[in-house]
C-alpha atoms as a PDB file:
ATOM      1  CA  MET A   1     -15.460 162.637 -80.403  1.00  0.00           C
ATOM      2  CA  LYS A   2     -11.740 163.120 -80.143  1.00  0.00           C
ATOM      3  CA  SER A   3     -11.378 159.689 -81.989  1.00  0.00           C
ATOM      4  CA  LEU A   4     -13.412 160.905 -84.801  1.00  0.00           C
ATOM      5  CA  LEU A   5     -11.886 164.129 -85.326  1.00  0.00           C
ATOM      6  CA  LYS A   6      -8.332 162.080 -85.310  1.00  0.00           C
ATOM      7  CA  THR A   7      -9.766 159.562 -87.971  1.00  0.00           C
ATOM      8  CA  LEU A   8     -10.820 162.467 -90.245  1.00  0.00           C
ATOM      9  CA  ASP A   9      -7.601 164.226 -89.639  1.00  0.00           C
ATOM     10  CA  ILE A  10      -6.097 160.694 -90.845  1.00  0.00           C
ATOM     11  CA  ILE A  11      -8.196 160.461 -93.864  1.00  0.00           C
ATOM     12  CA  GLU A  12      -7.292 164.117 -95.029  1.00  0.00           C
ATOM     13  CA  ALA A  13      -3.816 163.490 -94.767  1.00  0.00           C
ATOM     14  CA  VAL A  14      -4.007 160.465 -96.716  1.00  0.00           C
ATOM     15  CA  ALA A  15      -6.014 162.289 -99.471  1.00  0.00           C
ATOM     16  CA  GLU A  16      -3.619 165.158 -99.411  1.00  0.00           C
ATOM     17  CA  ALA A  17      -0.605 163.042 -99.746  1.00  0.00           C
ATOM     18  CA  GLY A  18      -2.101 160.373-102.206  1.00  0.00           C
ATOM     19  CA  SER A  19      -0.678 157.849-100.385  1.00  0.00           C
ATOM     20  CA  ALA A  20       1.792 157.373 -97.021  1.00  0.00           C
ATOM     21  CA  GLY A  21       2.776 155.681 -94.405  1.00  0.00           C
ATOM     22  CA  ILE A  22       2.198 155.133 -90.996  1.00  0.00           C
ATOM     23  CA  HIS A  23       5.260 157.533 -90.074  1.00  0.00           C
ATOM     24  CA  GLU A  24       4.384 160.200 -92.822  1.00  0.00           C
ATOM     25  CA  ILE A  25       1.068 160.154 -91.608  1.00  0.00           C
ATOM     26  CA  SER A  26       2.346 160.748 -88.167  1.00  0.00           C
ATOM     27  CA  ALA A  27       4.352 163.548 -89.128  1.00  0.00           C
ATOM     28  CA  MET A  28       1.140 165.218 -90.930  1.00  0.00           C
ATOM     29  CA  THR A  29      -0.930 164.741 -88.103  1.00  0.00           C
ATOM     30  CA  SER A  30       1.262 164.880 -84.996  1.00  0.00           C
ATOM     31  CA  PHE A  31      -0.510 162.014 -83.811  1.00  0.00           C
ATOM     32  CA  PRO A  32       1.757 159.179 -82.245  1.00  0.00           C
ATOM     33  CA  PRO A  33       2.401 156.031 -84.434  1.00  0.00           C
ATOM     34  CA  SER A  34       0.297 153.641 -82.263  1.00  0.00           C
ATOM     35  CA  THR A  35      -2.712 155.955 -82.790  1.00  0.00           C
ATOM     36  CA  ILE A  36      -2.141 156.036 -86.487  1.00  0.00           C
ATOM     37  CA  HIS A  37      -1.748 152.110 -86.933  1.00  0.00           C
ATOM     38  CA  ARG A  38      -4.988 151.732 -85.083  1.00  0.00           C
ATOM     39  CA  ILE A  39      -7.005 153.866 -86.682  1.00  0.00           C
ATOM     40  CA  VAL A  40      -5.990 152.939 -90.055  1.00  0.00           C
ATOM     41  CA  THR A  41      -6.342 148.953 -89.264  1.00  0.00           C
ATOM     42  CA  THR A  42     -10.100 150.063 -88.756  1.00  0.00           C
ATOM     43  CA  LEU A  43     -10.405 152.137 -92.010  1.00  0.00           C
ATOM     44  CA  VAL A  44      -8.967 149.259 -93.773  1.00  0.00           C
ATOM     45  CA  GLU A  45     -10.985 146.776 -92.467  1.00  0.00           C
ATOM     46  CA  ARG A  46     -14.185 149.213 -93.492  1.00  0.00           C
ATOM     47  CA  HIS A  47     -12.643 149.459 -96.971  1.00  0.00           C
ATOM     48  CA  TYR A  48     -12.196 153.110 -96.665  1.00  0.00           C
ATOM     49  CA  LEU A  49      -8.246 152.924 -96.852  1.00  0.00           C
ATOM     50  CA  LYS A  50      -6.356 150.164 -99.003  1.00  0.00           C
ATOM     51  CA  GLN A  51      -2.533 149.439 -98.051  1.00  0.00           C
ATOM     52  CA  ASP A  52       0.134 148.642-100.982  1.00  0.00           C
ATOM     53  CA  LYS A  53       1.683 145.218-100.456  1.00  0.00           C
ATOM     54  CA  GLU A  54       5.260 146.197-101.191  1.00  0.00           C
ATOM     55  CA  ASN A  55       5.646 149.749-100.065  1.00  0.00           C
ATOM     56  CA  LYS A  56       2.968 149.483 -97.010  1.00  0.00           C
ATOM     57  CA  LYS A  57       1.736 152.911 -97.796  1.00  0.00           C
ATOM     58  CA  TYR A  58      -1.931 153.606 -97.371  1.00  0.00           C
ATOM     59  CA  SER A  59      -4.430 155.598-100.050  1.00  0.00           C
ATOM     60  CA  LEU A  60      -7.991 156.094-100.119  1.00  0.00           C
ATOM     61  CA  SER A  61     -10.223 153.394-101.452  1.00  0.00           C
ATOM     62  CA  PHE A  62     -12.814 153.600-103.886  1.00  0.00           C
ATOM     63  CA  ARG A  63     -15.324 153.330-101.171  1.00  0.00           C
ATOM     64  CA  PHE A  64     -15.044 157.302-101.267  1.00  0.00           C
ATOM     65  CA  LEU A  65     -15.966 157.046-105.183  1.00  0.00           C
ATOM     66  CA  GLU A  66     -18.751 155.133-104.038  1.00  0.00           C
ATOM     67  CA  LEU A  67     -20.050 157.740-101.362  1.00  0.00           C
ATOM     68  CA  GLY A  68     -19.494 160.441-103.815  1.00  0.00           C
ATOM     69  CA  THR A  69     -21.455 158.943-106.403  1.00  0.00           C
ATOM     70  CA  LYS A  70     -24.169 158.567-104.346  1.00  0.00           C
ATOM     71  CA  ALA A  71     -24.052 162.372-103.264  1.00  0.00           C
ATOM     72  CA  GLU A  72     -23.694 163.442-106.727  1.00  0.00           C
ATOM     73  CA  GLN A  73     -26.963 161.545-107.245  1.00  0.00           C
ATOM     74  CA  GLN A  74     -28.746 163.134-104.723  1.00  0.00           C
ATOM     75  CA  PHE A  75     -27.741 166.512-106.074  1.00  0.00           C
ATOM     76  CA  GLN A  76     -28.933 165.425-109.434  1.00  0.00           C
ATOM     77  CA  ILE A  77     -32.193 163.735-107.963  1.00  0.00           C
ATOM     78  CA  ASN A  78     -32.941 167.218-106.130  1.00  0.00           C
ATOM     79  CA  ALA A  79     -32.652 169.394-109.668  1.00  0.00           C
ATOM     80  CA  ILE A  80     -34.506 166.786-111.702  1.00  0.00           C
ATOM     81  CA  ALA A  81     -37.297 166.138-109.284  1.00  0.00           C
ATOM     82  CA  ARG A  82     -38.016 170.045-108.263  1.00  0.00           C
ATOM     83  CA  PRO A  83     -40.037 170.961-111.374  1.00  0.00           C
ATOM     84  CA  HIS A  84     -42.295 167.668-110.914  1.00  0.00           C
ATOM     85  CA  LEU A  85     -42.987 168.607-107.452  1.00  0.00           C
ATOM     86  CA  GLU A  86     -43.898 172.264-108.418  1.00  0.00           C
ATOM     87  CA  ARG A  87     -46.552 170.551-110.904  1.00  0.00           C
ATOM     88  CA  LEU A  88     -47.750 168.132-108.189  1.00  0.00           C
ATOM     89  CA  VAL A  89     -48.305 171.021-105.799  1.00  0.00           C
ATOM     90  CA  ALA A  90     -49.985 172.890-108.669  1.00  0.00           C
ATOM     91  CA  GLU A  91     -52.223 169.901-109.505  1.00  0.00           C
ATOM     92  CA  THR A  92     -53.115 168.668-105.826  1.00  0.00           C
ATOM     93  CA  LYS A  93     -52.875 172.322-104.176  1.00  0.00           C
ATOM     94  CA  GLU A  94     -50.891 169.922-101.057  1.00  0.00           C
ATOM     95  CA  SER A  95     -47.301 169.730-100.522  1.00  0.00           C
ATOM     96  CA  ALA A  96     -44.772 167.815-102.158  1.00  0.00           C
ATOM     97  CA  ASN A  97     -41.885 165.968-100.960  1.00  0.00           C
ATOM     98  CA  LEU A  98     -38.504 164.234-102.050  1.00  0.00           C
ATOM     99  CA  ALA A  99     -36.737 161.970 -99.257  1.00  0.00           C
ATOM    100  CA  VAL A 100     -34.131 159.349 -99.698  1.00  0.00           C
ATOM    101  CA  LYS A 101     -33.393 156.351 -97.523  1.00  0.00           C
ATOM    102  CA  ASP A 102     -30.568 156.638 -95.053  1.00  0.00           C
ATOM    103  CA  GLY A 103     -30.087 153.524 -92.890  1.00  0.00           C
ATOM    104  CA  ASP A 104     -33.239 152.703 -91.036  1.00  0.00           C
ATOM    105  CA  ASN A 105     -34.454 156.404 -91.513  1.00  0.00           C
ATOM    106  CA  MET A 106     -35.721 158.336 -94.340  1.00  0.00           C
ATOM    107  CA  VAL A 107     -34.311 162.040 -95.266  1.00  0.00           C
ATOM    108  CA  TYR A 108     -35.932 164.586 -96.714  1.00  0.00           C
ATOM    109  CA  LEU A 109     -34.222 166.606 -99.276  1.00  0.00           C
ATOM    110  CA  ASP A 110     -36.502 168.905-100.764  1.00  0.00           C
ATOM    111  CA  GLN A 111     -40.383 170.107-100.066  1.00  0.00           C
ATOM    112  CA  VAL A 112     -42.127 172.530-102.195  1.00  0.00           C
ATOM    113  CA  GLN A 113     -44.965 173.835-100.000  1.00  0.00           C
ATOM    114  CA  SER A 114     -48.365 174.337-100.966  1.00  0.00           C
ATOM    115  CA  ASP A 115     -50.286 177.557 -99.599  1.00  0.00           C
ATOM    116  CA  HIS A 116     -50.843 175.403 -96.158  1.00  0.00           C
ATOM    117  CA  SER A 117     -48.367 175.975 -93.950  1.00  0.00           C
ATOM    118  CA  MET A 118     -48.872 173.693 -91.332  1.00  0.00           C
ATOM    119  CA  LEU A 119     -46.959 170.882 -92.817  1.00  0.00           C
ATOM    120  CA  ARG A 120     -43.276 172.311 -91.818  1.00  0.00           C
ATOM    121  CA  LEU A 121     -43.070 169.790 -89.041  1.00  0.00           C
ATOM    122  CA  PHE A 122     -41.836 166.362 -90.310  1.00  0.00           C
ATOM    123  CA  THR A 123     -41.710 166.483 -94.069  1.00  0.00           C
ATOM    124  CA  ARG A 124     -39.235 169.936 -93.906  1.00  0.00           C
ATOM    125  CA  PRO A 125     -36.195 169.304 -95.969  1.00  0.00           C
ATOM    126  CA  ASN A 126     -32.883 167.602 -93.528  1.00  0.00           C
ATOM    127  CA  ALA A 127     -35.803 165.838 -91.221  1.00  0.00           C
ATOM    128  CA  ARG A 128     -34.909 162.359 -90.624  1.00  0.00           C
ATOM    129  CA  VAL A 129     -37.708 159.887 -89.869  1.00  0.00           C
ATOM    130  CA  PRO A 130     -38.455 156.368 -89.527  1.00  0.00           C
ATOM    131  CA  LEU A 131     -39.261 153.886 -92.171  1.00  0.00           C
ATOM    132  CA  TYR A 132     -42.234 152.073 -90.566  1.00  0.00           C
ATOM    133  CA  SER A 133     -44.490 155.197 -89.748  1.00  0.00           C
ATOM    134  CA  THR A 134     -44.222 157.244 -93.174  1.00  0.00           C
ATOM    135  CA  GLY A 135     -44.947 156.735 -96.632  1.00  0.00           C
ATOM    136  CA  VAL A 136     -41.474 157.384 -97.998  1.00  0.00           C
ATOM    137  CA  GLY A 137     -40.410 154.982 -95.609  1.00  0.00           C
ATOM    138  CA  LYS A 138     -42.639 152.210 -96.037  1.00  0.00           C
ATOM    139  CA  MET A 139     -42.277 152.349 -99.925  1.00  0.00           C
ATOM    140  CA  PHE A 140     -38.664 151.395 -99.133  1.00  0.00           C
ATOM    141  CA  LEU A 141     -39.731 148.405 -96.821  1.00  0.00           C
ATOM    142  CA  SER A 142     -42.108 147.014 -99.284  1.00  0.00           C
ATOM    143  CA  GLN A 143     -38.882 146.453-101.531  1.00  0.00           C
ATOM    144  CA  MET A 144     -36.977 144.585 -98.809  1.00  0.00           C
ATOM    145  CA  ASN A 145     -36.843 140.820 -99.147  1.00  0.00           C
ATOM    146  CA  GLU A 146     -38.061 138.661 -96.077  1.00  0.00           C
ATOM    147  CA  SER A 147     -34.386 138.321 -94.499  1.00  0.00           C
ATOM    148  CA  ASP A 148     -33.748 142.004 -94.758  1.00  0.00           C
ATOM    149  CA  LEU A 149     -37.182 142.799 -93.496  1.00  0.00           C
ATOM    150  CA  ASP A 150     -36.864 140.262 -90.722  1.00  0.00           C
ATOM    151  CA  LYS A 151     -33.690 141.561 -89.717  1.00  0.00           C
ATOM    152  CA  TYR A 152     -35.025 145.221 -89.631  1.00  0.00           C
ATOM    153  CA  LEU A 153     -38.143 144.456 -87.518  1.00  0.00           C
ATOM    154  CA  GLN A 154     -35.737 142.674 -85.267  1.00  0.00           C
ATOM    155  CA  ARG A 155     -33.405 145.576 -84.771  1.00  0.00           C
ATOM    156  CA  THR A 156     -35.948 148.438 -84.818  1.00  0.00           C
ATOM    157  CA  ARG A 157     -37.512 149.963 -81.662  1.00  0.00           C
ATOM    158  CA  ARG A 158     -40.872 151.032 -82.784  1.00  0.00           C
ATOM    159  CA  ILE A 159     -42.614 153.757 -81.350  1.00  0.00           C
ATOM    160  CA  ARG A 160     -46.674 154.739 -81.547  1.00  0.00           C
ATOM    161  CA  HIS A 161     -46.352 158.128 -82.667  1.00  0.00           C
ATOM    162  CA  THR A 162     -49.914 158.400 -82.779  1.00  0.00           C
ATOM    163  CA  PRO A 163     -52.763 156.212 -82.145  1.00  0.00           C
ATOM    164  CA  TYR A 164     -52.631 155.070 -86.084  1.00  0.00           C
ATOM    165  CA  THR A 165     -48.853 154.403 -85.909  1.00  0.00           C
ATOM    166  CA  LEU A 166     -48.578 150.604 -87.165  1.00  0.00           C
ATOM    167  CA  ILE A 167     -45.827 149.008 -84.722  1.00  0.00           C
ATOM    168  CA  THR A 168     -46.779 145.192 -84.815  1.00  0.00           C
ATOM    169  CA  ARG A 169     -44.917 142.633 -87.105  1.00  0.00           C
ATOM    170  CA  GLU A 170     -48.234 141.613 -88.401  1.00  0.00           C
ATOM    171  CA  GLU A 171     -49.659 145.163 -88.952  1.00  0.00           C
ATOM    172  CA  ILE A 172     -46.417 146.119 -90.799  1.00  0.00           C
ATOM    173  CA  ARG A 173     -46.388 143.222 -92.668  1.00  0.00           C
ATOM    174  CA  GLU A 174     -49.777 143.534 -94.073  1.00  0.00           C
ATOM    175  CA  GLU A 175     -49.672 147.093 -94.670  1.00  0.00           C
ATOM    176  CA  LEU A 176     -46.633 146.182 -97.015  1.00  0.00           C
ATOM    177  CA  ALA A 177     -48.714 143.308 -98.949  1.00  0.00           C
ATOM    178  CA  LEU A 178     -51.132 146.289 -99.810  1.00  0.00           C
ATOM    179  CA  ILE A 179     -48.418 148.700-101.096  1.00  0.00           C
ATOM    180  CA  ARG A 180     -47.170 145.973-103.022  1.00  0.00           C
ATOM    181  CA  ALA A 181     -50.120 145.703-105.051  1.00  0.00           C
ATOM    182  CA  GLN A 182     -51.313 149.189-105.241  1.00  0.00           C
ATOM    183  CA  GLY A 183     -47.927 150.696-105.905  1.00  0.00           C
ATOM    184  CA  PHE A 184     -48.372 153.472-103.704  1.00  0.00           C
ATOM    185  CA  SER A 185     -47.916 153.835 -99.780  1.00  0.00           C
ATOM    186  CA  VAL A 186     -50.531 155.877 -97.275  1.00  0.00           C
ATOM    187  CA  ASP A 187     -48.850 157.277 -94.111  1.00  0.00           C
ATOM    188  CA  ASN A 188     -52.568 157.447 -92.632  1.00  0.00           C
ATOM    189  CA  GLU A 189     -51.912 159.913 -89.431  1.00  0.00           C
ATOM    190  CA  GLU A 190     -49.107 157.315 -88.587  1.00  0.00           C
ATOM    191  CA  MET A 191     -46.362 159.911 -87.763  1.00  0.00           C
ATOM    192  CA  GLU A 192     -48.418 163.055 -86.829  1.00  0.00           C
ATOM    193  CA  GLU A 193     -52.121 162.899 -85.955  1.00  0.00           C
ATOM    194  CA  GLY A 194     -54.004 165.126 -88.123  1.00  0.00           C
ATOM    195  CA  VAL A 195     -51.404 164.758 -91.215  1.00  0.00           C
ATOM    196  CA  ARG A 196     -51.876 162.255 -94.397  1.00  0.00           C
ATOM    197  CA  CYS A 197     -49.466 161.355 -96.815  1.00  0.00           C
ATOM    198  CA  VAL A 198     -49.389 159.444 -99.914  1.00  0.00           C
ATOM    199  CA  ALA A 199     -46.073 158.250-101.731  1.00  0.00           C
ATOM    200  CA  THR A 200     -44.263 156.033-104.098  1.00  0.00           C
ATOM    201  CA  LEU A 201     -40.592 155.299-105.172  1.00  0.00           C
ATOM    202  CA  ILE A 202     -38.262 156.914-108.072  1.00  0.00           C
ATOM    203  CA  PHE A 203     -35.727 154.604-109.370  1.00  0.00           C
ATOM    204  CA  ASP A 204     -32.536 154.994-111.161  1.00  0.00           C
ATOM    205  CA  HIS A 205     -30.886 153.762-114.109  1.00  0.00           C
ATOM    206  CA  THR A 206     -29.992 150.301-113.016  1.00  0.00           C
ATOM    207  CA  GLY A 207     -33.859 149.905-111.803  1.00  0.00           C
ATOM    208  CA  GLN A 208     -33.083 150.393-108.001  1.00  0.00           C
ATOM    209  CA  PRO A 209     -35.298 152.478-105.434  1.00  0.00           C
ATOM    210  CA  THR A 210     -33.238 155.384-104.977  1.00  0.00           C
ATOM    211  CA  ALA A 211     -35.825 158.244-103.414  1.00  0.00           C
ATOM    212  CA  ALA A 212     -39.211 158.398-102.686  1.00  0.00           C
ATOM    213  CA  VAL A 213     -41.939 161.411-103.532  1.00  0.00           C
ATOM    214  CA  SER A 214     -44.832 161.990-101.585  1.00  0.00           C
ATOM    215  CA  ILE A 215     -47.830 164.277-101.175  1.00  0.00           C
ATOM    216  CA  SER A 216     -48.620 165.761 -97.721  1.00  0.00           C
ATOM    217  CA  GLY A 217     -51.801 167.309 -96.443  1.00  0.00           C
ATOM    218  CA  ALA A 218     -53.880 167.730 -93.440  1.00  0.00           C
ATOM    219  CA  ALA A 219     -56.365 164.584 -93.324  1.00  0.00           C
ATOM    220  CA  ILE A 220     -59.261 166.695 -93.365  1.00  0.00           C
ATOM    221  CA  ARG A 221     -58.289 167.421 -97.060  1.00  0.00           C
ATOM    222  CA  ILE A 222     -56.828 164.299 -97.991  1.00  0.00           C
ATOM    223  CA  THR A 223     -59.535 162.339 -97.287  1.00  0.00           C
ATOM    224  CA  PRO A 224     -59.832 158.462 -98.017  1.00  0.00           C
ATOM    225  CA  LYS A 225     -61.799 159.064-101.219  1.00  0.00           C
ATOM    226  CA  ARG A 226     -58.738 161.590-102.394  1.00  0.00           C
ATOM    227  CA  VAL A 227     -56.047 158.910-101.750  1.00  0.00           C
ATOM    228  CA  ALA A 228     -56.439 156.617-104.861  1.00  0.00           C
ATOM    229  CA  PRO A 229     -56.480 159.601-107.266  1.00  0.00           C
ATOM    230  CA  LEU A 230     -53.538 161.091-105.608  1.00  0.00           C
ATOM    231  CA  GLY A 231     -51.747 157.862-105.573  1.00  0.00           C
ATOM    232  CA  ASN A 232     -51.896 157.705-109.624  1.00  0.00           C
ATOM    233  CA  LEU A 233     -50.815 161.124-109.749  1.00  0.00           C
ATOM    234  CA  ILE A 234     -47.818 160.509-107.853  1.00  0.00           C
ATOM    235  CA  LYS A 235     -46.840 157.463-109.475  1.00  0.00           C
ATOM    236  CA  THR A 236     -47.054 159.575-112.649  1.00  0.00           C
ATOM    237  CA  CYS A 237     -44.895 162.087-111.232  1.00  0.00           C
ATOM    238  CA  ALA A 238     -42.349 159.322-109.847  1.00  0.00           C
ATOM    239  CA  SER A 239     -42.249 157.547-113.234  1.00  0.00           C
ATOM    240  CA  ALA A 240     -41.316 161.015-114.988  1.00  0.00           C
ATOM    241  CA  ILE A 241     -38.725 161.395-112.612  1.00  0.00           C
ATOM    242  CA  SER A 242     -37.132 158.065-113.136  1.00  0.00           C
ATOM    243  CA  GLY A 243     -37.424 158.340-116.679  1.00  0.00           C
ATOM    244  CA  GLU A 244     -34.919 161.267-116.408  1.00  0.00           C
ATOM    245  CA  LEU A 245     -32.635 159.576-114.184  1.00  0.00           C
ATOM    246  CA  GLY A 246     -32.494 156.818-117.118  1.00  0.00           C
ATOM    247  CA  PHE A 247     -34.857 154.108-115.626  1.00  0.00           C
ATOM    248  CA  ASN A 248     -36.893 152.156-118.153  1.00  0.00           C
ATOM    249  CA  PRO A 249     -38.760 148.998-116.984  1.00  0.00           C
ATOM    250  CA  THR A 250     -38.920 147.874-120.532  1.00  0.00           C
ATOM    251  CA  TYR A 251     -34.955 146.490-120.484  1.00  0.00           C
END
């Protein structure tokens, strides 16, 4: 933790100065030059800082601009998606959710609840859930190429959250093929017993998946017969949000 705090202090010092050398950063942070050198070397290797070859000073790299753009996009998605989520709830009488991929997990950004309150458990805003056991996560897995999917399955420890959770490679690959064919995914009580979700992807102006939208409800209400109609509704919703983000599939 102390090393992390020092790293953040160094980044903030460089940002404040615009550019600074080892001894200047040391004076601003009171850390010894050897500590500064070790940390900035790692930050350069990870492309968070860059060093001027002539004066040897360090400055922030465009990596921070990339991260800032992603953060801005998330705020933009929230604002654009909210009225669409509200319409989904009005049409379906179930809760609607917005989530984004963060590494090997999904993070819920927003939720519009239905009159049923039992679904605050794992779809609440800021909740972090796995890719393989959620409708929103499986949508992103369905977009991975074979190489990336293999790497994901190799590094991920898959837990059977309920008796319905798909954990074997064969089960997951079969499920992803179905998702690609129908254009939406179903969390069939895989994350929480008694809860069923239907999800699909939102695309940004470059045509890349940027978020996922889902409908969540009790399995006794979202019956297998309702899944296909809900899938069509949520695809229409996601298409409208994608359009507002600048996505045009005819380009």
